[in-house]
Amino acid sequence: MARDLNSTVEALQDQLSQIRSILQRQARDTASEASSFLAPRANRLSKELRDEGWGLAQAVRRHPTAASGAVFGALALGAVIGLFLSGAVRDHD
């Protein structure tokens, strides 16, 4: 009986090892596919963001007053939204 149990445990360990290696291969293949799909898109997005950032920097250099006004306006809007959200949370409690 003990031999049967030992052989069953060994067979299960072998099966688990095979399943583990299959899953590792599938994970590697999936990661490779995802990487080959995402890498060109990430490179293109990075280039577009760099170009847009450069354009934004040029606009700020040409119109510093408008740029600072936009920044302060965004900060004020964020503060107002934060106040409304904090009030909503307090009312909810």
PDB file of N, CA and C in Angstrom:
ATOM      1  N   MET A   1       0.810  -1.185   0.000  1.00  0.00           N
ATOM      2  CA  MET A   1       0.000   0.000   0.000  1.00  0.00           C
ATOM      3  C   MET A   1       0.866   1.266   0.000  1.00  0.00           C
ATOM      4  N   ALA A   2       1.915   1.295   0.817  1.00  0.00           N
ATOM      5  CA  ALA A   2       2.797   2.443   0.880  1.00  0.00           C
ATOM      6  C   ALA A   2       3.500   2.644  -0.458  1.00  0.00           C
ATOM      7  N   ARG A   3       3.857   1.549  -1.136  1.00  0.00           N
ATOM      8  CA  ARG A   3       4.518   1.664  -2.450  1.00  0.00           C
ATOM      9  C   ARG A   3       3.557   2.268  -3.477  1.00  0.00           C
ATOM     10  N   ASP A   4       2.303   1.840  -3.434  1.00  0.00           N
ATOM     11  CA  ASP A   4       1.307   2.395  -4.357  1.00  0.00           C
ATOM     12  C   ASP A   4       1.126   3.891  -4.109  1.00  0.00           C
ATOM     13  N   LEU A   5       1.097   4.256  -2.850  1.00  0.00           N
ATOM     14  CA  LEU A   5       0.934   5.665  -2.497  1.00  0.00           C
ATOM     15  C   LEU A   5       2.142   6.474  -2.952  1.00  0.00           C
ATOM     16  N   ASN A   6       3.349   5.936  -2.730  1.00  0.00           N
ATOM     17  CA  ASN A   6       4.570   6.615  -3.165  1.00  0.00           C
ATOM     18  C   ASN A   6       4.612   6.761  -4.681  1.00  0.00           C
ATOM     19  N   SER A   7       4.232   5.725  -5.409  1.00  0.00           N
ATOM     20  CA  SER A   7       4.249   5.802  -6.867  1.00  0.00           C
ATOM     21  C   SER A   7       3.193   6.787  -7.371  1.00  0.00           C
ATOM     22  N   THR A   8       2.069   6.855  -6.692  1.00  0.00           N
ATOM     23  CA  THR A   8       1.032   7.817  -7.073  1.00  0.00           C
ATOM     24  C   THR A   8       1.518   9.234  -6.835  1.00  0.00           C
ATOM     25  N   VAL A   9       2.169   9.469  -5.702  1.00  0.00           N
ATOM     26  CA  VAL A   9       2.696  10.796  -5.387  1.00  0.00           C
ATOM     27  C   VAL A   9       3.764  11.186  -6.405  1.00  0.00           C
ATOM     28  N   GLU A  10       4.646  10.243  -6.756  1.00  0.00           N
ATOM     29  CA  GLU A  10       5.686  10.539  -7.748  1.00  0.00           C
ATOM     30  C   GLU A  10       5.076  10.845  -9.108  1.00  0.00           C
ATOM     31  N   ALA A  11       4.049  10.104  -9.499  1.00  0.00           N
ATOM     32  CA  ALA A  11       3.379  10.360 -10.778  1.00  0.00           C
ATOM     33  C   ALA A  11       2.725  11.743 -10.773  1.00  0.00           C
ATOM     34  N   LEU A  12       2.105  12.112  -9.649  1.00  0.00           N
ATOM     35  CA  LEU A  12       1.495  13.430  -9.552  1.00  0.00           C
ATOM     36  C   LEU A  12       2.546  14.539  -9.594  1.00  0.00           C
ATOM     37  N   GLN A  13       3.694  14.311  -8.954  1.00  0.00           N
ATOM     38  CA  GLN A  13       4.766  15.299  -8.996  1.00  0.00           C
ATOM     39  C   GLN A  13       5.281  15.483 -10.417  1.00  0.00           C
ATOM     40  N   ASP A  14       5.406  14.369 -11.165  1.00  0.00           N
ATOM     41  CA  ASP A  14       5.837  14.460 -12.559  1.00  0.00           C
ATOM     42  C   ASP A  14       4.825  15.238 -13.398  1.00  0.00           C
ATOM     43  N   GLN A  15       3.547  14.964 -13.167  1.00  0.00           N
ATOM     44  CA  GLN A  15       2.511  15.678 -13.920  1.00  0.00           C
ATOM     45  C   GLN A  15       2.519  17.168 -13.588  1.00  0.00           C
ATOM     46  N   LEU A  16       2.696  17.482 -12.311  1.00  0.00           N
ATOM     47  CA  LEU A  16       2.762  18.893 -11.925  1.00  0.00           C
ATOM     48  C   LEU A  16       3.964  19.592 -12.543  1.00  0.00           C
ATOM     49  N   SER A  17       5.076  18.896 -12.606  1.00  0.00           N
ATOM     50  CA  SER A  17       6.272  19.459 -13.225  1.00  0.00           C
ATOM     51  C   SER A  17       6.037  19.723 -14.711  1.00  0.00           C
ATOM     52  N   GLN A  18       5.373  18.790 -15.385  1.00  0.00           N
ATOM     53  CA  GLN A  18       5.068  18.978 -16.811  1.00  0.00           C
ATOM     54  C   GLN A  18       4.107  20.150 -17.006  1.00  0.00           C
ATOM     55  N   ILE A  19       3.093  20.233 -16.170  1.00  0.00           N
ATOM     56  CA  ILE A  19       2.129  21.336 -16.269  1.00  0.00           C
ATOM     57  C   ILE A  19       2.826  22.664 -16.023  1.00  0.00           C
ATOM     58  N   ARG A  20       3.704  22.701 -15.032  1.00  0.00           N
ATOM     59  CA  ARG A  20       4.440  23.927 -14.718  1.00  0.00           C
ATOM     60  C   ARG A  20       5.276  24.375 -15.910  1.00  0.00           C
ATOM     61  N   SER A  21       5.981  23.436 -16.555  1.00  0.00           N
ATOM     62  CA  SER A  21       6.814  23.817 -17.694  1.00  0.00           C
ATOM     63  C   SER A  21       5.956  24.271 -18.876  1.00  0.00           C
ATOM     64  N   ILE A  22       4.796  23.646 -19.077  1.00  0.00           N
ATOM     65  CA  ILE A  22       3.895  24.064 -20.157  1.00  0.00           C
ATOM     66  C   ILE A  22       3.401  25.483 -19.897  1.00  0.00           C
ATOM     67  N   LEU A  23       2.993  25.751 -18.649  1.00  0.00           N
ATOM     68  CA  LEU A  23       2.505  27.081 -18.302  1.00  0.00           C
ATOM     69  C   LEU A  23       3.603  28.139 -18.435  1.00  0.00           C
ATOM     70  N   GLN A  24       4.821  27.795 -18.077  1.00  0.00           N
ATOM     71  CA  GLN A  24       5.927  28.732 -18.212  1.00  0.00           C
ATOM     72  C   GLN A  24       6.182  29.062 -19.679  1.00  0.00           C
ATOM     73  N   ARG A  25       6.134  28.035 -20.538  1.00  0.00           N
ATOM     74  CA  ARG A  25       6.313  28.274 -21.977  1.00  0.00           C
ATOM     75  C   ARG A  25       5.202  29.163 -22.527  1.00  0.00           C
ATOM     76  N   GLN A  26       3.959  28.890 -22.121  1.00  0.00           N
ATOM     77  CA  GLN A  26       2.840  29.702 -22.593  1.00  0.00           C
ATOM     78  C   GLN A  26       2.966  31.145 -22.110  1.00  0.00           C
ATOM     79  N   ALA A  27       3.389  31.326 -20.880  1.00  0.00           N
ATOM     80  CA  ALA A  27       3.563  32.678 -20.345  1.00  0.00           C
ATOM     81  C   ALA A  27       4.665  33.414 -21.103  1.00  0.00           C
ATOM     82  N   ARG A  28       5.757  32.719 -21.406  1.00  0.00           N
ATOM     83  CA  ARG A  28       6.850  33.319 -22.169  1.00  0.00           C
ATOM     84  C   ARG A  28       6.383  33.723 -23.565  1.00  0.00           C
ATOM     85  N   ASP A  29       5.637  32.821 -24.219  1.00  0.00           N
ATOM     86  CA  ASP A  29       5.136  33.113 -25.564  1.00  0.00           C
ATOM     87  C   ASP A  29       4.171  34.298 -25.550  1.00  0.00           C
ATOM     88  N   THR A  30       3.294  34.324 -24.563  1.00  0.00           N
ATOM     89  CA  THR A  30       2.321  35.409 -24.466  1.00  0.00           C
ATOM     90  C   THR A  30       3.028  36.734 -24.191  1.00  0.00           C
ATOM     91  N   ALA A  31       4.020  36.724 -23.314  1.00  0.00           N
ATOM     92  CA  ALA A  31       4.775  37.946 -23.022  1.00  0.00           C
ATOM     93  C   ALA A  31       5.517  38.427 -24.266  1.00  0.00           C
ATOM     94  N   SER A  32       6.060  37.501 -25.029  1.00  0.00           N
ATOM     95  CA  SER A  32       6.764  37.866 -26.256  1.00  0.00           C
ATOM     96  C   SER A  32       5.809  38.480 -27.268  1.00  0.00           C
ATOM     97  N   GLU A  33       4.624  37.879 -27.408  1.00  0.00           N
ATOM     98  CA  GLU A  33       3.627  38.419 -28.338  1.00  0.00           C
ATOM     99  C   GLU A  33       3.183  39.816 -27.907  1.00  0.00           C
ATOM    100  N   ALA A  34       2.952  39.981 -26.616  1.00  0.00           N
ATOM    101  CA  ALA A  34       2.525  41.282 -26.103  1.00  0.00           C
ATOM    102  C   ALA A  34       3.611  42.331 -26.324  1.00  0.00           C
ATOM    103  N   SER A  35       4.848  41.938 -26.096  1.00  0.00           N
ATOM    104  CA  SER A  35       5.953  42.859 -26.285  1.00  0.00           C
ATOM    105  C   SER A  35       6.085  43.273 -27.743  1.00  0.00           C
ATOM    106  N   SER A  36       5.977  42.319 -28.645  1.00  0.00           N
ATOM    107  CA  SER A  36       6.104  42.659 -30.061  1.00  0.00           C
ATOM    108  C   SER A  36       4.914  43.489 -30.537  1.00  0.00           C
ATOM    109  N   PHE A  37       3.767  43.353 -29.888  1.00  0.00           N
ATOM    110  CA  PHE A  37       2.598  44.152 -30.244  1.00  0.00           C
ATOM    111  C   PHE A  37       2.713  45.565 -29.684  1.00  0.00           C
ATOM    112  N   LEU A  38       3.179  45.686 -28.431  1.00  0.00           N
ATOM    113  CA  LEU A  38       3.182  46.976 -27.750  1.00  0.00           C
ATOM    114  C   LEU A  38       4.397  47.843 -28.055  1.00  0.00           C
ATOM    115  N   ALA A  39       5.548  47.247 -28.334  1.00  0.00           N
ATOM    116  CA  ALA A  39       6.780  48.024 -28.513  1.00  0.00           C
ATOM    117  C   ALA A  39       6.668  49.069 -29.616  1.00  0.00           C
ATOM    118  N   PRO A  40       6.206  48.730 -30.818  1.00  0.00           N
ATOM    119  CA  PRO A  40       6.117  49.780 -31.849  1.00  0.00           C
ATOM    120  C   PRO A  40       5.130  50.887 -31.480  1.00  0.00           C
ATOM    121  N   ARG A  41       4.042  50.510 -30.844  1.00  0.00           N
ATOM    122  CA  ARG A  41       3.052  51.516 -30.451  1.00  0.00           C
ATOM    123  C   ARG A  41       3.612  52.435 -29.366  1.00  0.00           C
ATOM    124  N   ALA A  42       4.347  51.869 -28.429  1.00  0.00           N
ATOM    125  CA  ALA A  42       4.952  52.676 -27.365  1.00  0.00           C
ATOM    126  C   ALA A  42       5.997  53.621 -27.947  1.00  0.00           C
ATOM    127  N   ASN A  43       6.780  53.156 -28.920  1.00  0.00           N
ATOM    128  CA  ASN A  43       7.775  54.022 -29.550  1.00  0.00           C
ATOM    129  C   ASN A  43       7.106  55.175 -30.289  1.00  0.00           C
ATOM    130  N   ARG A  44       6.028  54.875 -31.001  1.00  0.00           N
ATOM    131  CA  ARG A  44       5.314  55.922 -31.734  1.00  0.00           C
ATOM    132  C   ARG A  44       4.699  56.935 -30.760  1.00  0.00           C
ATOM    133  N   LEU A  45       4.100  56.435 -29.679  1.00  0.00           N
ATOM    134  CA  LEU A  45       3.509  57.322 -28.678  1.00  0.00           C
ATOM    135  C   LEU A  45       4.574  58.195 -28.030  1.00  0.00           C
ATOM    136  N   SER A  46       5.718  57.617 -27.739  1.00  0.00           N
ATOM    137  CA  SER A  46       6.817  58.370 -27.138  1.00  0.00           C
ATOM    138  C   SER A  46       7.265  59.506 -28.063  1.00  0.00           C
ATOM    139  N   LYS A  47       7.403  59.210 -29.339  1.00  0.00           N
ATOM    140  CA  LYS A  47       7.801  60.244 -30.308  1.00  0.00           C
ATOM    141  C   LYS A  47       6.744  61.332 -30.393  1.00  0.00           C
ATOM    142  N   GLU A  48       5.466  60.953 -30.420  1.00  0.00           N
ATOM    143  CA  GLU A  48       4.404  61.953 -30.489  1.00  0.00           C
ATOM    144  C   GLU A  48       4.385  62.833 -29.240  1.00  0.00           C
ATOM    145  N   LEU A  49       4.584  62.226 -28.063  1.00  0.00           N
ATOM    146  CA  LEU A  49       4.612  63.006 -26.828  1.00  0.00           C
ATOM    147  C   LEU A  49       5.800  63.966 -26.800  1.00  0.00           C
ATOM    148  N   ARG A  50       6.948  63.504 -27.293  1.00  0.00           N
ATOM    149  CA  ARG A  50       8.119  64.382 -27.368  1.00  0.00           C
ATOM    150  C   ARG A  50       7.841  65.572 -28.274  1.00  0.00           C
ATOM    151  N   ASP A  51       7.242  65.291 -29.441  1.00  0.00           N
ATOM    152  CA  ASP A  51       6.932  66.361 -30.385  1.00  0.00           C
ATOM    153  C   ASP A  51       5.925  67.345 -29.794  1.00  0.00           C
ATOM    154  N   GLU A  52       4.891  66.820 -29.146  1.00  0.00           N
ATOM    155  CA  GLU A  52       3.881  67.687 -28.541  1.00  0.00           C
ATOM    156  C   GLU A  52       4.483  68.494 -27.394  1.00  0.00           C
ATOM    157  N   GLY A  53       5.342  67.881 -26.620  1.00  0.00           N
ATOM    158  CA  GLY A  53       6.006  68.594 -25.527  1.00  0.00           C
ATOM    159  C   GLY A  53       6.860  69.731 -26.045  1.00  0.00           C
ATOM    160  N   TRP A  54       7.555  69.492 -27.149  1.00  0.00           N
ATOM    161  CA  TRP A  54       8.378  70.540 -27.739  1.00  0.00           C
ATOM    162  C   TRP A  54       7.491  71.668 -28.241  1.00  0.00           C
ATOM    163  N   GLY A  55       6.381  71.313 -28.884  1.00  0.00           N
ATOM    164  CA  GLY A  55       5.447  72.337 -29.366  1.00  0.00           C
ATOM    165  C   GLY A  55       4.851  73.143 -28.220  1.00  0.00           C
ATOM    166  N   LEU A  56       4.532  72.470 -27.133  1.00  0.00           N
ATOM    167  CA  LEU A  56       3.996  73.160 -25.961  1.00  0.00           C
ATOM    168  C   LEU A  56       5.032  74.102 -25.369  1.00  0.00           C
ATOM    169  N   ALA A  57       6.280  73.655 -25.301  1.00  0.00           N
ATOM    170  CA  ALA A  57       7.346  74.502 -24.770  1.00  0.00           C
ATOM    171  C   ALA A  57       7.526  75.747 -25.634  1.00  0.00           C
ATOM    172  N   GLN A  58       7.438  75.583 -26.936  1.00  0.00           N
ATOM    173  CA  GLN A  58       7.552  76.737 -27.836  1.00  0.00           C
ATOM    174  C   GLN A  58       6.402  77.718 -27.610  1.00  0.00           C
ATOM    175  N   ALA A  59       5.188  77.185 -27.439  1.00  0.00           N
ATOM    176  CA  ALA A  59       4.025  78.054 -27.204  1.00  0.00           C
ATOM    177  C   ALA A  59       4.169  78.811 -25.889  1.00  0.00           C
ATOM    178  N   VAL A  60       4.679  78.161 -24.856  1.00  0.00           N
ATOM    179  CA  VAL A  60       4.873  78.819 -23.557  1.00  0.00           C
ATOM    180  C   VAL A  60       5.922  79.914 -23.681  1.00  0.00           C
ATOM    181  N   ARG A  61       6.974  79.663 -24.462  1.00  0.00           N
ATOM    182  CA  ARG A  61       8.006  80.697 -24.643  1.00  0.00           C
ATOM    183  C   ARG A  61       7.440  81.914 -25.373  1.00  0.00           C
ATOM    184  N   ARG A  62       6.555  81.677 -26.331  1.00  0.00           N
ATOM    185  CA  ARG A  62       5.984  82.791 -27.094  1.00  0.00           C
ATOM    186  C   ARG A  62       4.924  83.548 -26.303  1.00  0.00           C
ATOM    187  N   HIS A  63       4.176  82.835 -25.442  1.00  0.00           N
ATOM    188  CA  HIS A  63       3.058  83.443 -24.710  1.00  0.00           C
ATOM    189  C   HIS A  63       3.105  83.069 -23.225  1.00  0.00           C
ATOM    190  N   PRO A  64       4.061  83.608 -22.495  1.00  0.00           N
ATOM    191  CA  PRO A  64       4.204  83.205 -21.080  1.00  0.00           C
ATOM    192  C   PRO A  64       3.024  83.628 -20.208  1.00  0.00           C
ATOM    193  N   THR A  65       2.421  84.763 -20.508  1.00  0.00           N
ATOM    194  CA  THR A  65       1.298  85.228 -19.691  1.00  0.00           C
ATOM    195  C   THR A  65       0.104  84.303 -19.830  1.00  0.00           C
ATOM    196  N   ALA A  66      -0.199  83.929 -21.055  1.00  0.00           N
ATOM    197  CA  ALA A  66      -1.328  83.017 -21.287  1.00  0.00           C
ATOM    198  C   ALA A  66      -1.058  81.656 -20.652  1.00  0.00           C
ATOM    199  N   ALA A  67       0.188  81.210 -20.725  1.00  0.00           N
ATOM    200  CA  ALA A  67       0.532  79.912 -20.148  1.00  0.00           C
ATOM    201  C   ALA A  67       0.371  79.927 -18.630  1.00  0.00           C
ATOM    202  N   SER A  68       0.840  80.987 -17.989  1.00  0.00           N
ATOM    203  CA  SER A  68       0.703  81.038 -16.529  1.00  0.00           C
ATOM    204  C   SER A  68      -0.764  81.180 -16.142  1.00  0.00           C
ATOM    205  N   GLY A  69      -1.532  81.901 -16.929  1.00  0.00           N
ATOM    206  CA  GLY A  69      -2.972  82.002 -16.667  1.00  0.00           C
ATOM    207  C   GLY A  69      -3.654  80.657 -16.774  1.00  0.00           C
ATOM    208  N   ALA A  70      -3.262  79.873 -17.776  1.00  0.00           N
ATOM    209  CA  ALA A  70      -3.848  78.547 -17.939  1.00  0.00           C
ATOM    210  C   ALA A  70      -3.485  77.639 -16.763  1.00  0.00           C
ATOM    211  N   VAL A  71      -2.251  77.738 -16.299  1.00  0.00           N
ATOM    212  CA  VAL A  71      -1.824  76.908 -15.159  1.00  0.00           C
ATOM    213  C   VAL A  71      -2.601  77.289 -13.901  1.00  0.00           C
ATOM    214  N   PHE A  72      -2.717  78.590 -13.635  1.00  0.00           N
ATOM    215  CA  PHE A  72      -3.457  79.024 -12.446  1.00  0.00           C
ATOM    216  C   PHE A  72      -4.939  78.681 -12.559  1.00  0.00           C
ATOM    217  N   GLY A  73      -5.484  78.765 -13.765  1.00  0.00           N
ATOM    218  CA  GLY A  73      -6.878  78.386 -13.969  1.00  0.00           C
ATOM    219  C   GLY A  73      -7.100  76.906 -13.698  1.00  0.00           C
ATOM    220  N   ALA A  74      -6.169  76.078 -14.158  1.00  0.00           N
ATOM    221  CA  ALA A  74      -6.280  74.638 -13.910  1.00  0.00           C
ATOM    222  C   ALA A  74      -6.162  74.337 -12.424  1.00  0.00           C
ATOM    223  N   LEU A  75      -5.256  75.041 -11.742  1.00  0.00           N
ATOM    224  CA  LEU A  75      -5.117  74.845 -10.294  1.00  0.00           C
ATOM    225  C   LEU A  75      -6.389  75.254  -9.554  1.00  0.00           C
ATOM    226  N   ALA A  76      -6.972  76.369  -9.963  1.00  0.00           N
ATOM    227  CA  ALA A  76      -8.206  76.827  -9.312  1.00  0.00           C
ATOM    228  C   ALA A  76      -9.339  75.842  -9.557  1.00  0.00           C
ATOM    229  N   LEU A  77      -9.452  75.366 -10.780  1.00  0.00           N
ATOM    230  CA  LEU A  77     -10.485  74.381 -11.101  1.00  0.00           C
ATOM    231  C   LEU A  77     -10.291  73.110 -10.283  1.00  0.00           C
ATOM    232  N   GLY A  78      -9.043  72.654 -10.154  1.00  0.00           N
ATOM    233  CA  GLY A  78      -8.760  71.476  -9.342  1.00  0.00           C
ATOM    234  C   GLY A  78      -9.122  71.680  -7.884  1.00  0.00           C
ATOM    235  N   ALA A  79      -8.846  72.879  -7.372  1.00  0.00           N
ATOM    236  CA  ALA A  79      -9.185  73.175  -5.974  1.00  0.00           C
ATOM    237  C   ALA A  79     -10.697  73.162  -5.767  1.00  0.00           C
ATOM    238  N   VAL A  80     -11.438  73.737  -6.701  1.00  0.00           N
ATOM    239  CA  VAL A  80     -12.898  73.753  -6.588  1.00  0.00           C
ATOM    240  C   VAL A  80     -13.460  72.338  -6.647  1.00  0.00           C
ATOM    241  N   ILE A  81     -12.965  71.549  -7.574  1.00  0.00           N
ATOM    242  CA  ILE A  81     -13.421  70.150  -7.676  1.00  0.00           C
ATOM    243  C   ILE A  81     -13.085  69.393  -6.398  1.00  0.00           C
ATOM    244  N   GLY A  82     -11.888  69.629  -5.859  1.00  0.00           N
ATOM    245  CA  GLY A  82     -11.501  68.981  -4.607  1.00  0.00           C
ATOM    246  C   GLY A  82     -12.419  69.358  -3.459  1.00  0.00           C
ATOM    247  N   LEU A  83     -12.792  70.628  -3.383  1.00  0.00           N
ATOM    248  CA  LEU A  83     -13.707  71.068  -2.323  1.00  0.00           C
ATOM    249  C   LEU A  83     -15.070  70.401  -2.465  1.00  0.00           C
ATOM    250  N   PHE A  84     -15.590  70.342  -3.682  1.00  0.00           N
ATOM    251  CA  PHE A  84     -16.883  69.689  -3.898  1.00  0.00           C
ATOM    252  C   PHE A  84     -16.822  68.211  -3.532  1.00  0.00           C
ATOM    253  N   LEU A  85     -15.732  67.547  -3.939  1.00  0.00           N
ATOM    254  CA  LEU A  85     -15.603  66.119  -3.633  1.00  0.00           C
ATOM    255  C   LEU A  85     -15.453  65.880  -2.136  1.00  0.00           C
ATOM    256  N   SER A  86     -14.695  66.730  -1.466  1.00  0.00           N
ATOM    257  CA  SER A  86     -14.529  66.531  -0.016  1.00  0.00           C
ATOM    258  C   SER A  86     -15.856  66.778   0.696  1.00  0.00           C
ATOM    259  N   GLY A  87     -16.647  67.746   0.224  1.00  0.00           N
ATOM    260  CA  GLY A  87     -17.961  67.988   0.815  1.00  0.00           C
ATOM    261  C   GLY A  87     -18.901  66.829   0.575  1.00  0.00           C
ATOM    262  N   ALA A  88     -18.818  66.235  -0.605  1.00  0.00           N
ATOM    263  CA  ALA A  88     -19.678  65.087  -0.921  1.00  0.00           C
ATOM    264  C   ALA A  88     -19.325  63.887  -0.057  1.00  0.00           C
ATOM    265  N   VAL A  89     -18.041  63.712   0.211  1.00  0.00           N
ATOM    266  CA  VAL A  89     -17.613  62.598   1.045  1.00  0.00           C
ATOM    267  C   VAL A  89     -18.052  62.820   2.481  1.00  0.00           C
ATOM    268  N   ARG A  90     -17.932  64.050   2.964  1.00  0.00           N
ATOM    269  CA  ARG A  90     -18.336  64.366   4.329  1.00  0.00           C
ATOM    270  C   ARG A  90     -19.841  64.187   4.498  1.00  0.00           C
ATOM    271  N   ASP A  91     -20.618  64.602   3.502  1.00  0.00           N
ATOM    272  CA  ASP A  91     -22.078  64.448   3.574  1.00  0.00           C
ATOM    273  C   ASP A  91     -22.473  62.985   3.536  1.00  0.00           C
ATOM    274  N   HIS A  92     -21.713  62.197   2.833  1.00  0.00           N
ATOM    275  CA  HIS A  92     -22.024  60.768   2.681  1.00  0.00           C
ATOM    276  C   HIS A  92     -21.795  60.002   3.980  1.00  0.00           C
ATOM    277  N   ASP A  93     -20.794  60.425   4.753  1.00  0.00           N
ATOM    278  CA  ASP A  93     -20.482  59.744   6.023  1.00  0.00           C
ATOM    279  C   ASP A  93     -21.566  60.047   7.003  1.00  0.00           C
TER     280      ASP A  93
END
